[in-house]
Amino acid sequence: MKRALISVSDKTGVDNFAKELTALGFEIISTGGTKKFLEDNGVPVVGVEEVTGFPEILEGRVKTLHPSIHGGLLAKGTAEHLSVLEENQITPIDIVCVNLYPFVSTIMKQDVSFDDAVENIDIGGPAMVRASAKNHDRVTVIVRPDRYEQVISELQTNNEVTIQTRQKLALEAFTHTAEYDTAISNYLAGKFSEDLFSERVLFSGEKVQDLRYGENPHQKAAFYRLPGRDKGTVAGAKQLQGKELSYNNIVDIESAWNIAKDFKNDYAAVIIKHTNPCGSALGKTQKEAYTRAFEGDTISAFGGIVGLNTEVEKETAQEISKIFVEAIVAPSFSKEALAIFSAKENVRLIEMGYEEANSEFWIEKVGGGFLLQENDLQPVDTSLFDVVTEKKPNEEDLKELLFAWNIAKHVKSNAIVVVKDQRTIGVGAGQMNRVGSAKIAYEQGGEMTKDACMASDAFFPFRDTVDAAAKAGIKAIIQPGGSIKDQESIDACNEHGIVMIFTQRRHFKH
């Protein structure tokens, strides 16, 4: 009689799977909770302790770590190995169905204790999975419930599982244990290591979907999430309607959400094109915030990504529907808004939820390796601000400058943001020199730049940006400071009667 070992945390469909195996002539052996579950569902089961002749000990920590189990798993199908099994009265195990203690879901619970986390580190499970996967030439190992049907179908058709399927299942098994160990390593690193950047960094990505293509049609691409790190992120978002997301959609949705969520106490709206905000604004209502953001650059807004920081309301949905947009990202959508957007079935609606995103690292791939840094998530610290000019800002100037500064940190360097009445009127992004970005922003703003405020993501190396700002009519500037020629820029501001604040913090975004 062939033998199958079943020991699972996720019991989805395992009772039917075990019944099908029994009908095919398999003897089922199992442990603890799985054994009871199968027996309660009418499946005849042999306990592991009956196979090993040794009871479960140490509160269940030791139950399958025994030669009678691992010999049955690791023996090849050769005459030599089978004779060794016979000599030691060990029965070969042909199918292993194991998935592991729920470590990741345990550590994601609020206020989970360290002891609870440690007790959910599986030992026997990974050992059986790895042994079976190593011996896939003879043993079928299953770690995912969605594979049960395929295995049963092949057994019914061929009286065995094909080598091609066993190879794929072995790969899934090793991937399963690698992901599991990665989660444990990262959790313990957060508990035991004082080094923010340890000697070894491990990541495990779970595929969300294949993409039609990457940045361009000739590039293949797929979208992955980092399990346990996706709450409040684009990877953990829910798409409510619309066409399949593209590579570029996902990148732009990330940018839109990062800006929108930065504003906690106001209605905020942003419209993104190619990762940069072409329009951003605050408003007394959500509709007003969106309308003002749209007015910031009505040309570039076409085909953009809209980000909102509160639930999408009916009136806002009606306004957005007047133009073509690729996607809308927000914490949630009202029923009225969903009904309005249903008439534009291709528009992608992305619900982020209200959970705060994990303060995770930012990864930048380079040839042969990657760069790892903390995300630029620290809130603005106004205690660091230093008014360096003779002219001082009034309360209204400070509000404008703070708004501009919050937007500038999300714009590609070199970044210049010009704002008026809590709305961007000009954005210069990604230019090779700072005065070039400034000129683009002033040109966009036109006559509205008179008495407007400006933010720069990094210091001015020369006074030329200030002189250009004066010609455009800028009344106040916020920038990090730190140039060896800061005094030249300060002097230029004093000459032109412009306010300037140093923030002492740079926001390069490459």
Foldseek 3Di string as FASTA:
>chain_A
DAEEEEEEPPCVPVLVLLVLVVVLPYAYEYEDPVCVVNVVSPHDYHYQCVQQVHDQDDVNLDRQPHCLNLLLQQQAPDPVSVVVCVVVVHHHHAEYEYAAQPLLVQVLDPPRDPVVNVVRQHDVRLVSLLSNLVRLVRHAYAHDPVCSVVQSVCCVVPVHDDSVNSNVRSVVSVLNVLLSVLVVVVVVCVVPPPDPDDPDHDFRWDWPFWACAAPDNVHTDTDTDGRSQDALALRPKDKPFADDDHNQNSLLLRLQALLQQLDDPFKKKFWDDSQATQKIFTDNDNLVRHVLRCVLDVVRSAQTEMEIEAEDDLNNLVVVVVHHYQEYEYQHYDPNSVVSCVVVRNYIYIHNHDDDGDQAWDWADDPPGIDIDGDPPDRQDCVLKDWLAPDDDDPVLVVQQNLQQSNQLSAAPQWKFKDDPRMTNFIFGDDPANLVSLVRRLVSNDLVLAQIEMEGQADHQALVSVVVSLVSNHAEYEHADDHPVVVRNRVSCRVSNHIYMHRVDGRHDD
